[in-house]
Protein backbone atom coordinates (compact mmCIF):
# COMPACT_ATOMS: atom_id res chain seq x y z
CA UNK A 1 22.14 30.72 18.85
CA UNK A 2 19.93 28.26 17.40
CA UNK A 3 20.31 29.68 13.84
CA UNK A 4 23.78 29.33 14.07
CA UNK A 5 23.82 25.95 14.93
CA UNK A 6 21.52 24.98 12.16
CA UNK A 7 23.64 26.72 9.78
CA UNK A 8 27.04 25.04 11.02
CA UNK A 9 25.34 21.82 10.84
CA UNK A 10 24.18 22.42 7.12
CA UNK A 11 27.92 23.50 6.27
CA UNK A 12 29.29 20.29 7.52
CA UNK A 13 26.73 18.42 5.51
CA UNK A 14 27.84 20.42 2.25
CA UNK A 15 31.66 19.94 3.08
CA UNK A 16 31.14 16.49 3.37
CA UNK A 17 29.20 15.62 0.45
CA UNK A 18 26.08 14.85 2.40
CA UNK A 19 23.65 18.06 1.85
CA UNK A 20 20.49 17.03 0.32
CA UNK A 21 18.37 19.08 -2.14
CA UNK A 22 15.36 17.62 -3.79
CA UNK A 23 15.12 17.55 -7.52
CA UNK A 24 12.02 19.33 -9.25
CA UNK A 25 10.48 16.99 -11.56
CA UNK A 26 8.62 18.80 -14.12
CA UNK A 27 6.59 15.75 -15.38
CA UNK A 28 6.85 11.75 -15.30
CA UNK A 29 5.87 9.70 -18.31
CA UNK A 30 6.38 5.65 -17.67
CA UNK A 31 10.02 4.95 -17.15
CA UNK A 32 11.02 8.87 -18.04
CA UNK A 33 11.03 11.93 -15.99
CA UNK A 34 11.42 15.51 -17.36
CA UNK A 35 13.75 17.96 -15.23
CA UNK A 36 14.43 21.39 -16.45
CA UNK A 37 13.03 20.02 -20.01
CA UNK A 38 15.70 17.35 -20.18
CA UNK A 39 14.11 14.07 -20.51
CA UNK A 40 16.10 11.25 -18.57
CA UNK A 41 15.26 7.39 -18.11
CA UNK A 42 14.74 6.81 -14.37
CA UNK A 43 16.48 4.20 -12.49
CA UNK A 44 15.57 5.97 -9.10
CA UNK A 45 11.72 5.18 -8.80
CA UNK A 46 10.07 2.62 -6.61
CA UNK A 47 7.57 2.26 -9.38
CA UNK A 48 8.74 -1.45 -9.99
CA UNK A 49 5.48 -2.57 -12.12
CA UNK A 50 4.88 0.89 -13.78
CA UNK A 51 1.56 1.31 -11.95
CA UNK A 52 2.50 4.77 -10.67
CA UNK A 53 2.04 6.31 -14.23
CA UNK A 54 -0.60 3.80 -15.58
CA UNK A 55 -3.52 5.32 -17.41
CA UNK A 56 -5.77 2.45 -16.28
CA UNK A 57 -5.12 3.06 -12.83
CA UNK A 58 -5.14 6.96 -13.03
CA UNK A 59 -8.68 6.86 -14.66
CA UNK A 60 -9.90 4.63 -11.82
CA UNK A 61 -8.22 6.87 -9.25
CA UNK A 62 -9.87 9.83 -10.95
CA UNK A 63 -13.20 8.45 -11.14
CA UNK A 64 -13.11 7.26 -7.37
CA UNK A 65 -12.20 10.88 -6.25
CA UNK A 66 -14.70 12.56 -8.15
CA UNK A 67 -17.18 10.16 -6.83
CA UNK A 68 -16.06 10.33 -3.24
CA UNK A 69 -14.52 13.57 -2.85
CA UNK A 70 -10.84 14.73 -1.91
CA UNK A 71 -10.32 14.40 1.92
CA UNK A 72 -11.70 12.06 4.99
CA UNK A 73 -11.76 15.11 7.13
CA UNK A 74 -11.40 13.26 10.15
CA UNK A 75 -9.52 10.54 12.02
CA UNK A 76 -10.47 6.88 11.83
CA UNK A 77 -11.85 7.09 15.26
CA UNK A 78 -14.32 9.95 14.48
CA UNK A 79 -15.90 9.93 11.04
CA UNK A 80 -12.98 8.99 8.64
CA UNK A 81 -13.39 5.00 8.96
CA UNK A 82 -15.14 4.61 5.45
CA UNK A 83 -16.71 1.65 4.12
CA UNK A 84 -14.78 1.43 1.17
CA UNK A 85 -11.55 1.35 3.51
CA UNK A 86 -12.50 -1.25 5.76
CA UNK A 87 -13.84 -3.31 2.72
CA UNK A 88 -10.41 -2.49 1.09
CA UNK A 89 -8.65 -3.49 4.39
CA UNK A 90 -10.65 -6.92 4.57
CA UNK A 91 -9.42 -7.65 0.71
CA UNK A 92 -5.93 -7.03 1.37
CA UNK A 93 -5.75 -9.23 4.43
CA UNK A 94 -7.48 -12.01 1.92
CA UNK A 95 -5.13 -11.33 -0.81
CA UNK A 96 -2.04 -11.51 1.12
CA UNK A 97 -3.15 -14.20 3.40
CA UNK A 98 -3.45 -12.62 6.66
CA UNK A 99 -6.35 -12.45 9.01
CA UNK A 100 -6.69 -8.64 9.25
CA UNK A 101 -5.28 -5.59 7.80
CA UNK A 102 -4.96 -1.71 8.92
CA UNK A 103 -4.41 1.22 6.57
CA UNK A 104 -1.85 3.85 7.34
CA UNK A 105 -1.31 7.30 5.68
CA UNK A 106 2.39 6.25 5.04
CA UNK A 107 4.92 3.47 5.42
CA UNK A 108 6.70 5.81 7.85
CA UNK A 109 3.76 6.17 10.01
CA UNK A 110 2.89 2.14 9.86
CA UNK A 111 6.34 1.31 11.15
CA UNK A 112 6.29 3.93 13.84
CA UNK A 113 2.94 3.20 14.80
CA UNK A 114 3.26 -0.49 14.93
CA UNK A 115 6.48 -0.86 16.72
CA UNK A 116 6.11 1.86 19.25
CA UNK A 117 2.66 0.48 20.18
CA UNK A 118 3.00 -3.29 20.50
CA UNK A 119 6.36 -3.31 22.37
CA UNK A 120 7.38 -1.64 25.92
CA UNK A 121 9.94 -1.53 28.63
CA UNK A 122 10.99 -5.00 29.39
CA UNK A 123 10.70 -6.04 25.85
CA UNK A 124 13.54 -7.08 23.74
CA UNK A 125 13.57 -6.74 19.59
CA UNK A 126 16.44 -8.08 17.60
CA UNK A 127 16.49 -6.15 14.58
CA UNK A 128 18.69 -6.48 11.45
CA UNK A 129 20.97 -3.51 11.38
CA UNK A 130 19.82 -2.44 7.88
CA UNK A 131 16.05 -2.07 8.70
CA UNK A 132 14.50 1.11 7.60
CA UNK A 133 14.67 4.13 9.71
CA UNK A 134 11.02 4.21 10.39
CA UNK A 135 11.56 1.09 12.17
CA UNK A 136 14.40 2.20 14.59
CA UNK A 137 12.50 4.99 15.39
CA UNK A 138 9.63 3.05 16.28
CA UNK A 139 11.80 0.72 18.42
CA UNK A 140 13.43 3.76 20.28
CA UNK A 141 9.67 5.22 21.09
CA UNK A 142 8.84 1.76 22.44
CA UNK A 143 11.36 2.11 25.03
CA UNK A 144 11.98 -1.59 24.77
CA UNK A 145 15.47 -3.05 24.72
CA UNK A 146 16.60 -3.49 21.05
CA UNK A 147 19.60 -5.45 19.75
CA UNK A 148 20.91 -5.51 16.48
CA UNK A 149 22.35 -8.09 14.49
CA UNK A 150 24.45 -8.33 11.60
CA UNK A 151 22.94 -7.79 8.11
CA UNK A 152 20.82 -10.77 6.81
CA UNK A 153 23.13 -12.78 9.07
CA UNK A 154 20.61 -15.73 10.56
CA UNK A 155 23.81 -17.34 12.52
CA UNK A 156 24.36 -13.98 14.32
CA UNK A 157 20.91 -13.64 15.16
CA UNK A 158 20.79 -17.07 16.58
CA UNK A 159 24.02 -15.90 18.74
CA UNK A 160 21.79 -13.04 20.16
CA UNK A 161 18.85 -15.33 20.89
CA UNK A 162 20.60 -17.93 22.69
CA UNK A 163 21.76 -15.48 25.47
CA UNK A 164 19.94 -16.37 29.03
CA UNK A 165 18.85 -12.97 29.86
CA UNK A 166 16.38 -13.00 26.85
CA UNK A 167 14.80 -16.32 27.74
CA UNK A 168 12.01 -15.21 29.67
CA UNK A 169 11.24 -12.21 27.88
CA UNK A 170 8.63 -10.88 25.41
CA UNK A 171 11.12 -11.47 22.14
CA UNK A 172 10.32 -10.01 18.67
CA UNK A 173 12.40 -10.05 15.57
CA UNK A 174 12.22 -6.97 13.08
CA UNK A 175 13.55 -7.34 9.59
CA UNK A 176 12.58 -6.74 5.90
CA UNK A 177 11.85 -9.15 2.97
CA UNK A 178 13.82 -7.12 0.19
CA UNK A 179 16.18 -4.59 1.65
CA UNK A 180 15.75 -1.24 0.34
CA UNK A 181 19.48 -0.45 -0.17
CA UNK A 182 21.49 -3.49 -0.21
CA UNK A 183 18.63 -5.13 -2.59
CA UNK A 184 19.20 -8.80 -1.26
CA UNK A 185 16.54 -11.18 -0.10
CA UNK A 186 15.63 -12.03 3.44
CA UNK A 187 16.85 -15.87 4.18
CA UNK A 188 12.93 -16.72 5.02
CA UNK A 189 13.53 -20.58 5.47
CA UNK A 190 16.50 -20.21 7.94
CA UNK A 191 14.83 -17.28 9.90
CA UNK A 192 11.47 -19.53 10.03
CA UNK A 193 13.80 -22.22 11.71
CA UNK A 194 14.85 -20.00 14.28
CA UNK A 195 11.47 -18.81 14.87
CA UNK A 196 10.14 -22.39 15.51
CA UNK A 197 13.26 -23.04 17.74
CA UNK A 198 13.17 -19.65 19.99
CA UNK A 199 9.46 -18.69 19.68
CA UNK A 200 9.82 -14.92 19.02
CA UNK A 201 7.48 -12.83 17.28
CA UNK A 202 8.35 -11.60 13.82
CA UNK A 203 7.75 -8.62 11.76
CA UNK A 204 8.73 -8.30 8.40
CA UNK A 205 8.81 -5.13 6.15
CA UNK A 206 7.66 -6.12 2.59
CA UNK A 207 7.38 -2.78 1.31
CA UNK A 208 9.68 -3.43 -1.69
CA UNK A 209 8.67 -6.89 -2.11
CA UNK A 210 4.67 -6.69 -2.31
CA UNK A 211 3.33 -6.41 -5.90
CA UNK A 212 6.70 -7.10 -7.20
CA UNK A 213 7.72 -10.73 -5.91
CA UNK A 214 6.13 -13.72 -4.94
CA UNK A 215 2.95 -15.56 -6.32
CA UNK A 216 0.76 -12.91 -7.58
CA UNK A 217 2.87 -10.22 -5.92
CA UNK A 218 2.27 -11.57 -2.42
CA UNK A 219 5.77 -11.05 -1.14
CA UNK A 220 8.04 -13.75 0.06
CA UNK A 221 7.78 -13.96 3.77
CA UNK A 222 4.30 -15.09 4.57
CA UNK A 223 5.32 -18.28 6.19
CA UNK A 224 7.84 -16.72 8.77
CA UNK A 225 6.04 -13.14 9.15
CA UNK A 226 3.28 -12.90 12.13
CA UNK A 227 2.96 -9.35 11.05
CA UNK A 228 4.09 -7.79 7.75
CA UNK A 229 4.21 -4.21 6.53
CA UNK A 230 3.42 -3.24 3.03
CA UNK A 231 3.09 0.06 1.28
CA UNK A 232 0.93 1.44 -1.61
CA UNK A 233 3.72 3.74 -2.86
CA UNK A 234 6.05 1.38 -4.36
CA UNK A 235 5.26 -1.37 -6.48
CA UNK A 236 1.35 -0.78 -6.13
CA UNK A 237 1.63 2.90 -7.39
CA UNK A 238 -0.55 4.71 -5.05
CA UNK A 239 0.00 6.09 -1.59
CA UNK A 240 -0.25 5.24 1.85
CA UNK A 241 0.69 1.93 3.95
CA UNK A 242 -0.98 -1.37 5.60
CA UNK A 243 -0.10 -3.43 8.54
CA UNK A 244 -1.07 -7.12 8.08
CA UNK A 245 -1.46 -9.43 10.71
CA UNK A 246 -3.74 -11.30 13.23
CA UNK A 247 -7.11 -9.46 14.33
CA UNK A 248 -5.61 -8.69 18.11
CA UNK A 249 -2.90 -6.68 16.62
CA UNK A 250 -5.33 -4.64 14.47
CA UNK A 251 -7.47 -4.13 17.23
CA UNK A 252 -4.63 -2.97 19.59
CA UNK A 253 -3.36 -0.60 17.12
CA UNK A 254 -6.56 1.08 16.63
CA UNK A 255 -6.78 1.74 20.65
CA UNK A 256 -2.99 2.20 21.40
CA UNK A 257 -0.84 3.39 18.19
CA UNK A 258 -0.67 7.24 18.19
CA UNK A 259 0.58 7.71 14.66
CA UNK A 260 -2.91 5.86 13.70
CA UNK A 261 -5.26 7.49 16.22
CA UNK A 262 -4.10 11.09 15.95
CA UNK A 263 -4.19 11.88 12.17
CA UNK A 264 -6.24 12.21 9.31
CA UNK A 265 -7.66 9.35 7.63
CA UNK A 266 -6.99 8.31 4.08
CA UNK A 267 -9.74 9.52 1.97
CA UNK A 268 -12.72 7.34 1.03
CA UNK A 269 -11.47 7.37 -2.61
CA UNK A 270 -8.35 5.64 -1.45
CA UNK A 271 -10.19 2.58 -0.22
CA UNK A 272 -12.11 2.15 -3.56
CA UNK A 273 -8.74 2.68 -5.27
CA UNK A 274 -7.03 -0.05 -3.06
CA UNK A 275 -9.63 -2.49 -4.22
CA UNK A 276 -9.07 -1.64 -7.88
CA UNK A 277 -5.27 -2.07 -7.09
CA UNK A 278 -6.09 -6.06 -6.22
CA UNK A 279 -7.34 -6.69 -9.63
CA UNK A 280 -4.42 -5.16 -11.25
CA UNK A 281 -2.13 -7.19 -8.87
CA UNK A 282 -3.67 -10.38 -9.93
CA UNK A 283 -3.41 -9.79 -13.52
CA UNK A 284 0.57 -8.50 -13.53
CA UNK A 285 2.34 -11.83 -13.89
CA UNK A 286 3.57 -10.57 -16.96
CA UNK A 287 5.11 -7.47 -15.46
CA UNK A 288 6.59 -9.16 -12.94
CA UNK A 289 8.34 -11.51 -15.14
CA UNK A 290 9.63 -8.64 -17.39
CA UNK A 291 10.96 -7.04 -13.88
CA UNK A 292 12.52 -9.93 -13.11
CA UNK A 293 14.23 -10.52 -16.72
CA UNK A 294 15.33 -6.77 -17.10
CA UNK A 295 16.78 -6.95 -13.51
CA UNK A 296 18.88 -10.03 -13.82
CA UNK A 297 20.09 -8.39 -17.43
CA UNK A 298 21.26 -5.17 -15.59
CA UNK A 299 22.93 -6.93 -12.92
CA UNK A 300 25.15 -9.37 -15.19
CA UNK A 301 25.91 -6.33 -17.50
CA UNK A 302 27.31 -4.29 -14.54
CA UNK A 303 29.18 -7.59 -13.44
CA UNK A 304 30.78 -8.26 -16.65
CA UNK A 305 32.20 -4.44 -16.81
CA UNK A 306 33.86 -5.50 -13.67
CA UNK A 307 31.85 -3.26 -11.37
CA UNK A 308 30.60 -4.47 -7.96
CA UNK A 309 27.21 -4.81 -7.76
CA UNK A 310 24.76 -6.25 -5.09
CA UNK A 311 20.99 -6.90 -5.44
CA UNK A 312 19.02 -10.09 -5.58
CA UNK A 313 15.80 -8.69 -7.43
CA UNK A 314 15.02 -5.24 -8.94
CA UNK A 315 17.11 -3.31 -6.45
CA UNK A 316 20.69 -3.22 -7.33
CA UNK A 317 23.57 -1.40 -5.39
CA UNK A 318 26.37 -0.29 -7.37
CA UNK A 319 29.32 0.06 -4.76
CA UNK A 320 31.37 3.35 -5.00
CA UNK A 321 32.46 4.17 -1.27
CA UNK A 322 33.31 7.69 -1.24
CA UNK A 323 30.62 10.00 -1.11
CA UNK A 324 31.87 12.78 -3.77
CA UNK A 325 32.66 9.87 -6.07
CA UNK A 326 29.14 8.99 -5.67
CA UNK A 327 27.73 12.66 -6.48
CA UNK A 328 30.02 13.00 -9.55
CA UNK A 329 29.14 9.60 -11.06
CA UNK A 330 25.17 10.47 -10.32
CA UNK A 331 25.98 13.86 -12.05
CA UNK A 332 27.83 12.13 -14.94
CA UNK A 333 24.68 9.86 -15.60
CA UNK A 334 22.46 12.86 -15.35
CA UNK A 335 24.29 14.71 -18.31
CA UNK A 336 24.13 11.32 -20.27
CA UNK A 337 20.26 11.30 -19.74
CA UNK A 338 19.86 8.75 -16.83
CA UNK A 339 18.83 9.48 -13.21
CA UNK A 340 20.13 7.46 -10.51
CA UNK A 341 20.62 8.50 -7.16
CA UNK A 342 23.86 8.34 -5.06
CA UNK A 343 22.68 6.68 -1.57
CA UNK A 344 24.79 8.36 1.10
CA UNK A 345 25.15 8.58 5.06
CA UNK A 346 23.17 8.13 7.05
CA UNK A 347 21.14 6.16 4.33
CA UNK A 348 24.20 3.73 4.32
CA UNK A 349 27.06 3.58 6.32
CA UNK A 350 29.88 6.42 6.04
CA UNK A 351 32.05 5.77 3.45
CA UNK A 352 30.01 2.99 1.87
CA UNK A 353 28.09 5.14 -0.68
CA UNK A 354 26.35 3.39 -3.49
CA UNK A 355 24.51 4.13 -6.79
CA UNK A 356 21.01 2.68 -5.85
CA UNK A 357 19.92 1.27 -9.18
CA UNK A 358 15.87 1.01 -9.00
CA UNK A 359 14.62 -1.28 -12.02
CA UNK A 360 11.31 -1.01 -13.60
CA UNK A 361 9.33 -3.58 -15.68
CA UNK A 362 9.20 -0.81 -18.52
CA UNK A 363 12.90 -0.82 -18.98
CA UNK A 364 14.13 -2.26 -22.00
CA UNK A 365 17.65 -3.89 -22.95
CA UNK A 366 18.34 -0.77 -25.24
CA UNK A 367 17.92 1.15 -21.84
CA UNK A 368 20.30 -1.41 -20.12
CA UNK A 369 22.90 -1.10 -22.70
CA UNK A 370 22.81 2.72 -22.66
CA UNK A 371 22.95 2.94 -19.17
CA UNK A 372 26.02 0.54 -18.84
CA UNK A 373 27.61 2.48 -21.73
CA UNK A 374 27.32 5.75 -19.72
CA UNK A 375 28.82 4.32 -16.50
CA UNK A 376 31.87 3.02 -18.65
CA UNK A 377 32.30 7.00 -19.72
CA UNK A 378 32.34 7.81 -15.94
CA UNK A 379 34.42 4.92 -14.57
CA UNK A 380 37.07 7.04 -13.66
CA UNK A 381 34.79 8.30 -11.10
CA UNK A 382 34.53 4.71 -9.50
CA UNK A 383 38.21 3.85 -9.23
């Protein structure tokens, strides 16, 4: 019975162009990936600054793993809280302008562990309807009352906040600073005005902004965020994640967050590598400027071709709509030497499929021109 149900659901996914099967990447080299010996320019990676294939960072990480070993072999609360990790947490808190920091093995675990631990039945969480799936899962596990508001619509959020039944409750707002699929930026000043007016606790996921946006890559939401979530696996070119906030949040997560307590710690070498990353971030203004310039160029080129494209920074969403059309266009681009993924339901709403274009500081104007030319050849899939 179980097997039949699973097979039926997989058939449904295939029939509706929603089936997922990971591509096997043979090798990565800067902005390029190799799949079955085909060299493609990638517009699919979150390696926004090119750190993920940085020779300097590779050598630093290799040195650290040779020095410290390959595994923590324990949870943080047993023997996995190494000096290098606690020092790196202090350094990240200082760098991003928060009182404390706590590392998690992944961004999913960070959101899950933060929201499921901090909130409980009787609390209310207002959330942008386009937040990451890990945040939704964390809210579900908290058993709090959670209320969605229209994507990036501060006026709609205020309508929710004004309702009397929320006035005597513990309330929080959960949002992102750079949205991972839409590519738009949070209205930080407007949200901060609402925070001062209504006094809610504010959690901002800056996973796609840290490293790439703001002064020295410090993100854009510090003025409004009581707690921020970041990841090493995007612009920072490593793995793992971190939660920034007041010391009482850190202490509470250490004592009550299951995804932190009941998992093996990041290895000792990770802490040392995270400290090396701080120096890279400080010295990467040129990369951030390159990323900004090339992202603007891509958006303007696409718009000039009459395509509907959204995005305020280095994530661009090319609107397609039909899932089959987005799949066909992605395959067309693949044949012409480009890797760009179709985002489909449930990542985006059904019938609102996009080609998510992820920019990299290593991309060049020639890459953009060639990509847009390939898109034009496949324009029949769009219309």
